[in-house]
């Protein structure tokens, strides 16, 4: 079963999604934290963990290996549910290799735009490979094909790294990610809301209620 993550740092959105019983985790990044109006990464991350009780990703801001490793030590100490997001770069791969050797080395490899990058982060010990579907689509590329190819590669070689479809723009992306076998789909709250909405559902409910009102009134 594919897991649903919310791509946000806004506590009200996470609280509402968690109340529906379909939320498995949350992904954040420095931009999302800024939009949520918080500068306290640890405090906000722990509030999210308390609500979700599942994987919550927090991203490093260093670009060098030593800096990433130092930040990862701090971030991963916050909770057993916290994963550290590491960018898919040469410095990032070196950091992933080191961090993955730790007992608590939970890594979300981020900013992946090709199956080759996904293969490398799996080799380096990442737990999640986050493929940015929407950003590739924006550039005229086929982001979902990268998810499909990554799924096939991971299955071919028995990697335990999970395929995470990120940068989701709309519900069609969600359906496509499910069809190609993504392990995790992380999306904005607005997309999750649209998943449960249909004008046909609204019309059907109105008709049922109208019919019931007629019966109840007789």
N, C-alpha and C. Protein backbone atom coordinates (compact mmCIF):
# COMPACT_ATOMS: atom_id res chain seq x y z
N UNK A 1 0.84 -1.19 0.00
CA UNK A 1 0.00 0.00 0.00
C UNK A 1 0.88 1.24 0.00
N UNK A 2 0.61 2.17 -0.91
CA UNK A 2 1.36 3.41 -0.95
C UNK A 2 1.01 4.28 0.26
N UNK A 3 2.01 4.91 0.82
CA UNK A 3 1.80 5.81 1.95
C UNK A 3 1.55 7.23 1.46
N UNK A 4 0.73 7.96 2.19
CA UNK A 4 0.45 9.36 1.89
C UNK A 4 1.17 10.24 2.90
N UNK A 5 2.02 11.11 2.38
CA UNK A 5 2.69 12.12 3.20
C UNK A 5 2.15 13.49 2.81
N UNK A 6 2.18 14.41 3.74
CA UNK A 6 1.81 15.80 3.45
C UNK A 6 3.10 16.61 3.33
N UNK A 7 3.18 17.43 2.28
CA UNK A 7 4.36 18.24 2.04
C UNK A 7 4.07 19.66 2.53
N UNK A 8 4.26 19.88 3.81
CA UNK A 8 3.93 21.15 4.44
C UNK A 8 4.57 21.22 5.82
N UNK A 9 4.63 22.43 6.36
CA UNK A 9 5.05 22.60 7.76
C UNK A 9 3.95 23.28 8.55
N UNK A 10 2.78 23.48 7.93
CA UNK A 10 1.67 24.17 8.59
C UNK A 10 0.92 23.20 9.50
N UNK A 11 0.91 23.49 10.79
CA UNK A 11 0.35 22.58 11.77
C UNK A 11 -1.15 22.38 11.60
N UNK A 12 -1.87 23.43 11.19
CA UNK A 12 -3.32 23.27 11.04
C UNK A 12 -3.65 22.31 9.89
N UNK A 13 -2.88 22.36 8.81
CA UNK A 13 -3.09 21.43 7.70
C UNK A 13 -2.78 20.00 8.12
N UNK A 14 -1.70 19.81 8.83
CA UNK A 14 -1.30 18.47 9.27
C UNK A 14 -2.32 17.91 10.25
N UNK A 15 -2.78 18.73 11.17
CA UNK A 15 -3.77 18.29 12.16
C UNK A 15 -5.05 17.81 11.47
N UNK A 16 -5.52 18.59 10.48
CA UNK A 16 -6.75 18.23 9.76
C UNK A 16 -6.56 16.93 8.97
N UNK A 17 -5.46 16.82 8.24
CA UNK A 17 -5.20 15.61 7.46
C UNK A 17 -5.07 14.39 8.36
N UNK A 18 -4.42 14.55 9.50
CA UNK A 18 -4.26 13.43 10.43
C UNK A 18 -5.60 12.97 10.97
N UNK A 19 -6.55 13.89 11.12
CA UNK A 19 -7.87 13.53 11.65
C UNK A 19 -8.66 12.66 10.67
N UNK A 20 -8.29 12.66 9.39
CA UNK A 20 -8.99 11.85 8.40
C UNK A 20 -8.56 10.39 8.46
N UNK A 21 -7.45 10.11 9.14
CA UNK A 21 -7.00 8.73 9.28
C UNK A 21 -6.25 8.18 8.08
N UNK A 22 -5.79 9.06 7.19
CA UNK A 22 -5.10 8.58 5.99
C UNK A 22 -3.67 9.12 5.87
N UNK A 23 -3.19 9.84 6.88
CA UNK A 23 -1.88 10.47 6.81
C UNK A 23 -0.82 9.59 7.47
N UNK A 24 0.24 9.30 6.70
CA UNK A 24 1.31 8.43 7.21
C UNK A 24 2.56 9.18 7.62
N UNK A 25 2.78 10.36 7.06
CA UNK A 25 4.00 11.10 7.37
C UNK A 25 3.96 12.50 6.80
N UNK A 26 5.06 13.23 7.00
CA UNK A 26 5.16 14.62 6.56
C UNK A 26 6.57 14.87 6.04
N UNK A 27 6.65 15.66 4.96
CA UNK A 27 7.95 16.13 4.49
C UNK A 27 7.99 17.65 4.61
N UNK A 28 9.12 18.17 5.07
CA UNK A 28 9.29 19.61 5.17
C UNK A 28 10.61 19.98 4.50
N UNK A 29 10.81 21.27 4.30
CA UNK A 29 12.08 21.80 3.85
C UNK A 29 12.18 23.23 4.37
N UNK A 30 13.33 23.87 4.22
CA UNK A 30 13.46 25.23 4.76
C UNK A 30 12.43 26.21 4.21
N UNK A 31 12.06 26.06 2.93
CA UNK A 31 11.06 26.95 2.33
C UNK A 31 9.71 26.77 3.00
N UNK A 32 9.32 25.51 3.21
CA UNK A 32 8.02 25.24 3.85
C UNK A 32 8.01 25.73 5.29
N UNK A 33 9.13 25.59 5.98
CA UNK A 33 9.21 26.09 7.35
C UNK A 33 9.05 27.60 7.38
N UNK A 34 9.66 28.28 6.41
CA UNK A 34 9.55 29.74 6.33
C UNK A 34 8.10 30.15 6.06
N UNK A 35 7.43 29.44 5.14
CA UNK A 35 6.04 29.75 4.82
C UNK A 35 5.12 29.50 6.00
N UNK A 36 5.50 28.56 6.86
CA UNK A 36 4.70 28.27 8.04
C UNK A 36 4.92 29.31 9.14
N UNK A 37 5.88 30.19 8.91
CA UNK A 37 6.12 31.27 9.86
C UNK A 37 6.89 30.86 11.09
N UNK A 38 7.71 29.83 10.96
CA UNK A 38 8.49 29.39 12.12
C UNK A 38 9.97 29.38 11.80
N UNK A 39 10.76 29.83 12.74
CA UNK A 39 12.21 29.78 12.59
C UNK A 39 12.81 28.72 13.48
N UNK A 40 11.98 28.07 14.29
CA UNK A 40 12.45 27.05 15.22
C UNK A 40 12.20 25.68 14.61
N UNK A 41 13.17 25.19 13.87
CA UNK A 41 13.03 23.92 13.13
C UNK A 41 12.74 22.76 14.06
N UNK A 42 13.47 22.66 15.15
CA UNK A 42 13.28 21.53 16.07
C UNK A 42 11.90 21.54 16.70
N UNK A 43 11.49 22.68 17.23
CA UNK A 43 10.20 22.76 17.92
C UNK A 43 9.05 22.43 16.97
N UNK A 44 9.09 22.96 15.76
CA UNK A 44 8.00 22.71 14.82
C UNK A 44 8.01 21.26 14.36
N UNK A 45 9.20 20.71 14.14
CA UNK A 45 9.30 19.31 13.73
C UNK A 45 8.72 18.38 14.79
N UNK A 46 9.01 18.66 16.05
CA UNK A 46 8.51 17.80 17.13
C UNK A 46 7.00 17.93 17.30
N UNK A 47 6.45 19.11 17.03
CA UNK A 47 5.00 19.26 17.05
C UNK A 47 4.36 18.41 15.96
N UNK A 48 5.00 18.37 14.80
CA UNK A 48 4.50 17.56 13.69
C UNK A 48 4.58 16.08 14.04
N UNK A 49 5.70 15.67 14.63
CA UNK A 49 5.87 14.27 15.04
C UNK A 49 4.77 13.85 16.00
N UNK A 50 4.44 14.72 16.93
CA UNK A 50 3.41 14.41 17.93
C UNK A 50 2.06 14.15 17.26
N UNK A 51 1.77 14.90 16.21
CA UNK A 51 0.49 14.74 15.52
C UNK A 51 0.47 13.53 14.61
N UNK A 52 1.58 13.25 13.96
CA UNK A 52 1.62 12.22 12.91
C UNK A 52 2.01 10.85 13.45
N UNK A 53 2.98 10.83 14.37
CA UNK A 53 3.52 9.56 14.88
C UNK A 53 3.98 8.66 13.73
N UNK A 54 4.61 9.29 12.75
CA UNK A 54 5.13 8.59 11.58
C UNK A 54 6.32 9.37 11.07
N UNK A 55 6.87 8.98 9.91
CA UNK A 55 8.06 9.64 9.39
C UNK A 55 7.84 11.14 9.13
N UNK A 56 8.77 11.95 9.64
CA UNK A 56 8.76 13.40 9.40
C UNK A 56 10.16 13.78 8.95
N UNK A 57 10.26 14.36 7.75
CA UNK A 57 11.57 14.71 7.19
C UNK A 57 11.90 16.17 7.44
N UNK A 58 13.11 16.43 7.93
CA UNK A 58 13.63 17.78 8.12
C UNK A 58 14.95 17.89 7.36
N UNK A 59 15.14 19.00 6.66
CA UNK A 59 16.24 19.12 5.72
C UNK A 59 17.43 19.90 6.28
N UNK A 60 18.62 19.45 5.90
CA UNK A 60 19.84 20.19 6.23
C UNK A 60 19.95 21.41 5.32
N UNK A 61 20.73 22.39 5.75
CA UNK A 61 20.97 23.57 4.91
C UNK A 61 22.42 23.68 4.48
N UNK A 62 23.29 22.85 5.06
CA UNK A 62 24.70 22.83 4.65
C UNK A 62 24.82 22.20 3.26
N UNK A 63 25.86 22.58 2.53
CA UNK A 63 26.11 22.01 1.21
C UNK A 63 27.39 21.17 1.17
N UNK A 64 28.15 21.20 2.25
CA UNK A 64 29.36 20.39 2.32
C UNK A 64 29.12 19.17 3.19
N UNK A 65 29.91 18.13 2.96
CA UNK A 65 29.70 16.85 3.64
C UNK A 65 29.76 16.98 5.16
N UNK A 66 30.80 17.65 5.66
CA UNK A 66 30.97 17.78 7.12
C UNK A 66 29.79 18.52 7.74
N UNK A 67 29.35 19.58 7.07
CA UNK A 67 28.21 20.33 7.59
C UNK A 67 26.94 19.51 7.60
N UNK A 68 26.69 18.75 6.53
CA UNK A 68 25.50 17.90 6.47
C UNK A 68 25.52 16.85 7.57
N UNK A 69 26.68 16.25 7.79
CA UNK A 69 26.79 15.21 8.81
C UNK A 69 26.54 15.81 10.19
N UNK A 70 27.10 16.98 10.45
CA UNK A 70 26.88 17.62 11.74
C UNK A 70 25.42 17.95 11.97
N UNK A 71 24.76 18.51 10.96
CA UNK A 71 23.33 18.81 11.09
C UNK A 71 22.51 17.54 11.25
N UNK A 72 22.88 16.50 10.52
CA UNK A 72 22.14 15.23 10.59
C UNK A 72 22.19 14.63 11.99
N UNK A 73 23.35 14.73 12.64
CA UNK A 73 23.46 14.22 14.01
C UNK A 73 22.45 14.89 14.92
N UNK A 74 22.31 16.21 14.78
CA UNK A 74 21.37 16.96 15.61
C UNK A 74 19.93 16.60 15.25
N UNK A 75 19.59 16.65 13.97
CA UNK A 75 18.21 16.41 13.51
C UNK A 75 17.73 15.01 13.89
N UNK A 76 18.58 14.01 13.69
CA UNK A 76 18.16 12.63 13.95
C UNK A 76 18.03 12.32 15.44
N UNK A 77 18.61 13.17 16.28
CA UNK A 77 18.51 12.95 17.73
C UNK A 77 17.17 13.41 18.29
N UNK A 78 16.38 14.14 17.49
CA UNK A 78 15.14 14.71 18.00
C UNK A 78 14.06 13.66 18.28
N UNK A 79 13.96 12.66 17.42
CA UNK A 79 12.91 11.65 17.55
C UNK A 79 13.21 10.47 16.65
N UNK A 80 12.73 9.31 17.05
CA UNK A 80 12.89 8.12 16.21
C UNK A 80 12.08 8.20 14.93
N UNK A 81 11.16 9.16 14.86
CA UNK A 81 10.33 9.33 13.66
C UNK A 81 10.94 10.29 12.65
N UNK A 82 11.98 11.00 13.04
CA UNK A 82 12.54 12.03 12.17
C UNK A 82 13.56 11.45 11.19
N UNK A 83 13.42 11.85 9.92
CA UNK A 83 14.36 11.51 8.86
C UNK A 83 15.08 12.79 8.46
N UNK A 84 16.34 12.67 8.06
CA UNK A 84 17.08 13.85 7.62
C UNK A 84 17.10 13.88 6.10
N UNK A 85 16.74 15.04 5.53
CA UNK A 85 16.77 15.21 4.08
C UNK A 85 18.14 15.71 3.66
N UNK A 86 18.74 14.96 2.74
CA UNK A 86 20.07 15.28 2.23
C UNK A 86 19.97 15.49 0.72
N UNK A 87 20.53 16.57 0.16
CA UNK A 87 20.46 16.79 -1.28
C UNK A 87 21.29 15.77 -2.05
N UNK A 88 20.84 15.45 -3.25
CA UNK A 88 21.53 14.47 -4.09
C UNK A 88 22.63 15.15 -4.88
N UNK A 89 23.76 15.28 -4.23
CA UNK A 89 24.97 15.86 -4.82
C UNK A 89 26.14 14.95 -4.44
N UNK A 90 27.31 15.25 -4.98
CA UNK A 90 28.48 14.47 -4.60
C UNK A 90 28.75 14.56 -3.11
N UNK A 91 28.69 15.78 -2.57
CA UNK A 91 28.88 15.96 -1.13
C UNK A 91 27.77 15.26 -0.35
N UNK A 92 26.57 15.31 -0.91
CA UNK A 92 25.44 14.64 -0.25
C UNK A 92 25.62 13.14 -0.21
N UNK A 93 26.11 12.55 -1.29
CA UNK A 93 26.33 11.10 -1.32
C UNK A 93 27.35 10.68 -0.26
N UNK A 94 28.40 11.47 -0.11
CA UNK A 94 29.40 11.15 0.91
C UNK A 94 28.78 11.21 2.31
N UNK A 95 27.92 12.21 2.51
CA UNK A 95 27.25 12.32 3.81
C UNK A 95 26.30 11.16 4.03
N UNK A 96 25.53 10.79 2.98
CA UNK A 96 24.59 9.67 3.10
C UNK A 96 25.31 8.38 3.47
N UNK A 97 26.45 8.14 2.85
CA UNK A 97 27.19 6.90 3.12
C UNK A 97 27.58 6.82 4.60
N UNK A 98 28.00 7.95 5.15
CA UNK A 98 28.38 7.99 6.56
C UNK A 98 27.16 7.86 7.47
N UNK A 99 26.13 8.66 7.18
CA UNK A 99 24.94 8.68 8.04
C UNK A 99 24.23 7.33 8.03
N UNK A 100 24.20 6.67 6.87
CA UNK A 100 23.48 5.38 6.78
C UNK A 100 24.13 4.29 7.61
N UNK A 101 25.36 4.50 8.05
CA UNK A 101 26.03 3.51 8.89
C UNK A 101 25.66 3.65 10.36
N UNK A 102 24.97 4.74 10.70
CA UNK A 102 24.55 4.96 12.09
C UNK A 102 23.32 4.12 12.41
N UNK A 103 23.13 3.72 13.67
CA UNK A 103 21.91 2.98 14.04
C UNK A 103 20.63 3.76 13.76
N UNK A 104 20.72 5.09 13.83
CA UNK A 104 19.53 5.93 13.59
C UNK A 104 19.63 6.69 12.26
N UNK A 105 20.39 6.14 11.30
CA UNK A 105 20.68 6.83 10.04
C UNK A 105 19.55 6.83 9.04
N UNK A 106 18.47 7.53 9.35
CA UNK A 106 17.27 7.58 8.50
C UNK A 106 17.39 8.74 7.52
N UNK A 107 17.51 8.43 6.22
CA UNK A 107 17.81 9.45 5.21
C UNK A 107 16.72 9.53 4.16
N UNK A 108 16.29 10.75 3.89
CA UNK A 108 15.42 11.06 2.75
C UNK A 108 16.30 11.81 1.75
N UNK A 109 16.72 11.13 0.69
CA UNK A 109 17.55 11.76 -0.35
C UNK A 109 16.64 12.61 -1.23
N UNK A 110 16.91 13.91 -1.28
CA UNK A 110 16.01 14.83 -1.94
C UNK A 110 16.61 15.42 -3.22
N UNK A 111 15.74 16.09 -3.99
CA UNK A 111 16.14 16.73 -5.25
C UNK A 111 16.68 15.74 -6.26
N UNK A 112 15.92 14.66 -6.48
CA UNK A 112 16.27 13.65 -7.48
C UNK A 112 15.49 13.93 -8.76
N UNK A 113 16.21 13.92 -9.88
CA UNK A 113 15.60 14.22 -11.17
C UNK A 113 15.91 13.18 -12.25
N UNK A 114 16.51 12.06 -11.85
CA UNK A 114 16.81 11.02 -12.83
C UNK A 114 16.89 9.66 -12.13
N UNK A 115 16.64 8.56 -12.88
CA UNK A 115 16.79 7.23 -12.30
C UNK A 115 18.24 6.96 -11.89
N UNK A 116 19.20 7.55 -12.59
CA UNK A 116 20.61 7.36 -12.24
C UNK A 116 20.90 7.93 -10.86
N UNK A 117 20.37 9.11 -10.57
CA UNK A 117 20.55 9.69 -9.24
C UNK A 117 19.89 8.81 -8.18
N UNK A 118 18.69 8.30 -8.48
CA UNK A 118 17.98 7.45 -7.53
C UNK A 118 18.79 6.18 -7.23
N UNK A 119 19.40 5.62 -8.26
CA UNK A 119 20.23 4.42 -8.08
C UNK A 119 21.41 4.72 -7.14
N UNK A 120 22.02 5.88 -7.32
CA UNK A 120 23.18 6.23 -6.50
C UNK A 120 22.79 6.43 -5.03
N UNK A 121 21.67 7.09 -4.77
CA UNK A 121 21.30 7.31 -3.37
C UNK A 121 20.91 6.00 -2.70
N UNK A 122 20.32 5.08 -3.46
CA UNK A 122 20.01 3.76 -2.90
C UNK A 122 21.30 3.04 -2.54
N UNK A 123 22.30 3.14 -3.41
CA UNK A 123 23.59 2.53 -3.13
C UNK A 123 24.25 3.16 -1.90
N UNK A 124 24.00 4.46 -1.70
CA UNK A 124 24.63 5.17 -0.58
C UNK A 124 23.90 4.94 0.73
N UNK A 125 22.75 4.24 0.71
CA UNK A 125 22.07 3.88 1.94
C UNK A 125 20.87 4.73 2.31
N UNK A 126 20.33 5.50 1.36
CA UNK A 126 19.15 6.31 1.66
C UNK A 126 17.94 5.43 1.94
N UNK A 127 17.07 5.90 2.81
CA UNK A 127 15.82 5.21 3.12
C UNK A 127 14.74 5.55 2.10
N UNK A 128 14.68 6.83 1.70
CA UNK A 128 13.71 7.31 0.71
C UNK A 128 14.47 7.99 -0.43
N UNK A 129 13.97 7.82 -1.66
CA UNK A 129 14.49 8.55 -2.82
C UNK A 129 13.38 9.46 -3.32
N UNK A 130 13.51 10.76 -3.07
CA UNK A 130 12.47 11.72 -3.40
C UNK A 130 12.65 12.27 -4.82
N UNK A 131 11.73 11.88 -5.71
CA UNK A 131 11.79 12.26 -7.11
C UNK A 131 10.83 13.42 -7.35
N UNK A 132 11.34 14.52 -7.90
CA UNK A 132 10.57 15.76 -8.03
C UNK A 132 9.80 15.80 -9.35
N UNK A 133 8.65 15.16 -9.34
CA UNK A 133 7.85 14.98 -10.55
C UNK A 133 7.41 16.31 -11.16
N UNK A 134 6.78 17.15 -10.37
CA UNK A 134 6.22 18.39 -10.87
C UNK A 134 7.27 19.32 -11.45
N UNK A 135 8.42 19.40 -10.83
CA UNK A 135 9.46 20.30 -11.34
C UNK A 135 9.95 19.83 -12.71
N UNK A 136 10.01 18.50 -12.90
CA UNK A 136 10.40 18.00 -14.22
C UNK A 136 9.32 18.28 -15.25
N UNK A 137 8.07 18.08 -14.86
CA UNK A 137 6.96 18.39 -15.78
C UNK A 137 6.98 19.87 -16.17
N UNK A 138 7.28 20.74 -15.22
CA UNK A 138 7.35 22.18 -15.50
C UNK A 138 8.39 22.49 -16.56
N UNK A 139 9.44 21.66 -16.63
CA UNK A 139 10.52 21.88 -17.59
C UNK A 139 10.30 21.12 -18.90
N UNK A 140 9.10 20.53 -19.05
CA UNK A 140 8.79 19.81 -20.27
C UNK A 140 9.26 18.38 -20.29
N UNK A 141 9.66 17.85 -19.14
CA UNK A 141 10.11 16.47 -19.04
C UNK A 141 9.00 15.60 -18.46
N UNK A 142 9.18 14.29 -18.48
CA UNK A 142 8.18 13.36 -17.97
C UNK A 142 8.61 12.88 -16.59
N UNK A 143 8.21 13.61 -15.56
CA UNK A 143 8.62 13.26 -14.21
C UNK A 143 8.14 11.90 -13.76
N UNK A 144 6.92 11.52 -14.16
CA UNK A 144 6.39 10.24 -13.69
C UNK A 144 7.13 9.06 -14.32
N UNK A 145 7.69 9.26 -15.50
CA UNK A 145 8.49 8.20 -16.11
C UNK A 145 9.74 7.91 -15.29
N UNK A 146 10.28 8.95 -14.66
CA UNK A 146 11.42 8.75 -13.77
C UNK A 146 11.02 7.91 -12.56
N UNK A 147 9.83 8.15 -12.04
CA UNK A 147 9.33 7.34 -10.93
C UNK A 147 9.17 5.89 -11.37
N UNK A 148 8.60 5.68 -12.56
CA UNK A 148 8.38 4.32 -13.07
C UNK A 148 9.72 3.59 -13.27
N UNK A 149 10.68 4.27 -13.88
CA UNK A 149 11.98 3.65 -14.13
C UNK A 149 12.70 3.34 -12.82
N UNK A 150 12.60 4.25 -11.85
CA UNK A 150 13.23 4.03 -10.55
C UNK A 150 12.61 2.83 -9.85
N UNK A 151 11.29 2.71 -9.91
CA UNK A 151 10.61 1.55 -9.34
C UNK A 151 11.17 0.25 -9.94
N UNK A 152 11.32 0.22 -11.26
CA UNK A 152 11.82 -0.97 -11.93
C UNK A 152 13.26 -1.29 -11.54
N UNK A 153 14.09 -0.25 -11.46
CA UNK A 153 15.49 -0.44 -11.07
C UNK A 153 15.59 -0.98 -9.65
N UNK A 154 14.84 -0.38 -8.73
CA UNK A 154 14.89 -0.83 -7.34
C UNK A 154 14.41 -2.26 -7.21
N UNK A 155 13.38 -2.61 -7.96
CA UNK A 155 12.88 -3.99 -7.93
C UNK A 155 13.89 -4.96 -8.54
N UNK A 156 14.55 -4.53 -9.61
CA UNK A 156 15.54 -5.38 -10.27
C UNK A 156 16.66 -5.79 -9.32
N UNK A 157 17.07 -4.85 -8.47
CA UNK A 157 18.25 -5.08 -7.64
C UNK A 157 17.93 -5.26 -6.16
N UNK A 158 16.66 -5.31 -5.83
CA UNK A 158 16.26 -5.59 -4.46
C UNK A 158 16.62 -4.52 -3.45
N UNK A 159 16.65 -3.26 -3.88
CA UNK A 159 16.95 -2.17 -2.95
C UNK A 159 15.81 -1.99 -1.95
N UNK A 160 16.17 -1.75 -0.70
CA UNK A 160 15.16 -1.45 0.32
C UNK A 160 14.74 0.00 0.32
N UNK A 161 15.46 0.85 -0.39
CA UNK A 161 15.14 2.27 -0.49
C UNK A 161 13.75 2.43 -1.11
N UNK A 162 12.93 3.30 -0.51
CA UNK A 162 11.56 3.48 -0.98
C UNK A 162 11.46 4.62 -2.00
N UNK A 163 10.64 4.40 -3.01
CA UNK A 163 10.44 5.39 -4.07
C UNK A 163 9.40 6.40 -3.59
N UNK A 164 9.82 7.67 -3.48
CA UNK A 164 8.93 8.72 -2.99
C UNK A 164 8.65 9.71 -4.13
N UNK A 165 7.40 9.80 -4.53
CA UNK A 165 6.99 10.76 -5.56
C UNK A 165 6.72 12.10 -4.89
N UNK A 166 7.52 13.10 -5.23
CA UNK A 166 7.42 14.42 -4.62
C UNK A 166 7.09 15.47 -5.68
N UNK A 167 6.93 16.70 -5.23
CA UNK A 167 6.57 17.81 -6.12
C UNK A 167 5.31 17.45 -6.90
N UNK A 168 4.30 17.03 -6.15
CA UNK A 168 3.01 16.62 -6.73
C UNK A 168 2.15 17.86 -6.94
N UNK A 169 1.64 18.03 -8.15
CA UNK A 169 0.91 19.24 -8.50
C UNK A 169 -0.61 19.08 -8.47
N UNK A 170 -1.09 17.87 -8.73
CA UNK A 170 -2.54 17.66 -8.87
C UNK A 170 -2.87 16.19 -8.64
N UNK A 171 -4.17 15.88 -8.61
CA UNK A 171 -4.60 14.52 -8.30
C UNK A 171 -4.22 13.53 -9.39
N UNK A 172 -4.08 13.99 -10.64
CA UNK A 172 -3.65 13.09 -11.71
C UNK A 172 -2.24 12.57 -11.42
N UNK A 173 -1.40 13.41 -10.84
CA UNK A 173 -0.07 12.96 -10.43
C UNK A 173 -0.18 11.85 -9.39
N UNK A 174 -1.10 12.01 -8.46
CA UNK A 174 -1.28 11.00 -7.41
C UNK A 174 -1.67 9.66 -8.02
N UNK A 175 -2.66 9.68 -8.90
CA UNK A 175 -3.12 8.44 -9.53
C UNK A 175 -2.00 7.80 -10.34
N UNK A 176 -1.28 8.61 -11.10
CA UNK A 176 -0.17 8.06 -11.90
C UNK A 176 0.90 7.45 -11.01
N UNK A 177 1.20 8.11 -9.89
CA UNK A 177 2.21 7.58 -8.97
C UNK A 177 1.77 6.24 -8.38
N UNK A 178 0.48 6.12 -8.10
CA UNK A 178 -0.06 4.85 -7.60
C UNK A 178 0.07 3.76 -8.67
N UNK A 179 -0.21 4.13 -9.91
CA UNK A 179 -0.18 3.15 -11.00
C UNK A 179 1.23 2.65 -11.30
N UNK A 180 2.24 3.52 -11.13
CA UNK A 180 3.61 3.08 -11.43
C UNK A 180 4.31 2.48 -10.21
N UNK A 181 3.62 2.44 -9.07
CA UNK A 181 4.15 1.73 -7.92
C UNK A 181 5.00 2.51 -6.95
N UNK A 182 4.78 3.82 -6.83
CA UNK A 182 5.51 4.60 -5.82
C UNK A 182 5.18 4.08 -4.43
N UNK A 183 6.18 4.02 -3.56
CA UNK A 183 5.95 3.58 -2.18
C UNK A 183 5.30 4.68 -1.36
N UNK A 184 5.66 5.92 -1.66
CA UNK A 184 5.20 7.08 -0.90
C UNK A 184 4.86 8.20 -1.87
N UNK A 185 3.79 8.93 -1.58
CA UNK A 185 3.44 10.11 -2.37
C UNK A 185 3.28 11.26 -1.39
N UNK A 186 4.08 12.30 -1.56
CA UNK A 186 3.97 13.46 -0.68
C UNK A 186 3.39 14.62 -1.47
N UNK A 187 2.42 15.30 -0.88
CA UNK A 187 1.65 16.29 -1.63
C UNK A 187 1.24 17.46 -0.76
N UNK A 188 0.95 18.61 -1.37
CA UNK A 188 0.39 19.73 -0.61
C UNK A 188 -0.99 19.36 -0.08
N UNK A 189 -1.41 20.04 0.96
CA UNK A 189 -2.72 19.78 1.55
C UNK A 189 -3.84 20.01 0.54
N UNK A 190 -3.67 21.01 -0.33
CA UNK A 190 -4.70 21.31 -1.33
C UNK A 190 -4.96 20.13 -2.26
N UNK A 191 -3.91 19.40 -2.60
CA UNK A 191 -4.08 18.22 -3.47
C UNK A 191 -4.80 17.10 -2.71
N UNK A 192 -4.44 16.90 -1.45
CA UNK A 192 -5.11 15.89 -0.64
C UNK A 192 -6.60 16.21 -0.51
N UNK A 193 -6.93 17.48 -0.33
CA UNK A 193 -8.33 17.88 -0.25
C UNK A 193 -9.08 17.54 -1.54
N UNK A 194 -8.44 17.80 -2.67
CA UNK A 194 -9.08 17.53 -3.96
C UNK A 194 -9.30 16.04 -4.20
N UNK A 195 -8.48 15.20 -3.56
CA UNK A 195 -8.63 13.76 -3.74
C UNK A 195 -9.98 13.26 -3.24
N UNK A 196 -10.55 13.92 -2.25
CA UNK A 196 -11.81 13.42 -1.68
C UNK A 196 -13.03 14.12 -2.26
N UNK A 197 -12.79 15.08 -3.17
CA UNK A 197 -13.91 15.85 -3.69
C UNK A 197 -14.32 15.41 -5.08
N UNK A 198 -15.63 15.41 -5.32
CA UNK A 198 -16.19 15.16 -6.64
C UNK A 198 -17.55 15.84 -6.70
N UNK A 199 -17.84 16.56 -7.78
CA UNK A 199 -19.17 17.17 -7.90
C UNK A 199 -20.27 16.13 -7.92
N UNK A 200 -19.96 14.93 -8.38
CA UNK A 200 -20.95 13.86 -8.41
C UNK A 200 -21.31 13.39 -7.00
N UNK A 201 -20.29 13.38 -6.12
CA UNK A 201 -20.54 13.04 -4.72
C UNK A 201 -21.44 14.09 -4.07
N UNK A 202 -21.15 15.37 -4.34
CA UNK A 202 -21.94 16.45 -3.77
C UNK A 202 -23.40 16.38 -4.23
N UNK A 203 -23.59 16.17 -5.54
CA UNK A 203 -24.95 16.09 -6.09
C UNK A 203 -25.69 14.89 -5.53
N UNK A 204 -24.98 13.76 -5.46
CA UNK A 204 -25.60 12.55 -4.93
C UNK A 204 -26.04 12.72 -3.49
N UNK A 205 -25.20 13.36 -2.68
CA UNK A 205 -25.54 13.58 -1.28
C UNK A 205 -26.74 14.52 -1.15
N UNK A 206 -26.77 15.57 -1.97
CA UNK A 206 -27.90 16.50 -1.94
C UNK A 206 -29.21 15.78 -2.28
N UNK A 207 -29.15 14.89 -3.25
CA UNK A 207 -30.36 14.16 -3.64
C UNK A 207 -30.81 13.21 -2.54
N UNK A 208 -29.86 12.52 -1.94
CA UNK A 208 -30.22 11.60 -0.84
C UNK A 208 -30.88 12.36 0.30
N UNK A 209 -30.30 13.51 0.66
CA UNK A 209 -30.85 14.31 1.76
C UNK A 209 -32.22 14.87 1.41
N UNK A 210 -32.38 15.30 0.15
CA UNK A 210 -33.67 15.82 -0.28
C UNK A 210 -34.74 14.74 -0.24
N UNK A 211 -34.36 13.53 -0.70
CA UNK A 211 -35.32 12.43 -0.67
C UNK A 211 -35.69 12.07 0.76
N UNK A 212 -34.69 12.07 1.64
CA UNK A 212 -34.94 11.74 3.05
C UNK A 212 -35.84 12.78 3.70
N UNK A 213 -35.65 14.05 3.33
CA UNK A 213 -36.48 15.11 3.90
C UNK A 213 -37.93 14.91 3.50
N UNK A 214 -38.15 14.45 2.26
CA UNK A 214 -39.52 14.20 1.81
C UNK A 214 -40.15 13.06 2.61
N UNK A 215 -39.36 12.00 2.81
CA UNK A 215 -39.87 10.84 3.55
C UNK A 215 -40.14 11.22 5.01
N UNK A 216 -39.18 11.94 5.60
CA UNK A 216 -39.30 12.32 7.01
C UNK A 216 -40.44 13.28 7.24
N UNK A 217 -40.81 14.04 6.19
CA UNK A 217 -41.87 15.00 6.34
C UNK A 217 -43.27 14.43 6.15
N UNK A 218 -43.36 13.16 5.70
CA UNK A 218 -44.68 12.54 5.49
C UNK A 218 -45.16 11.84 6.74
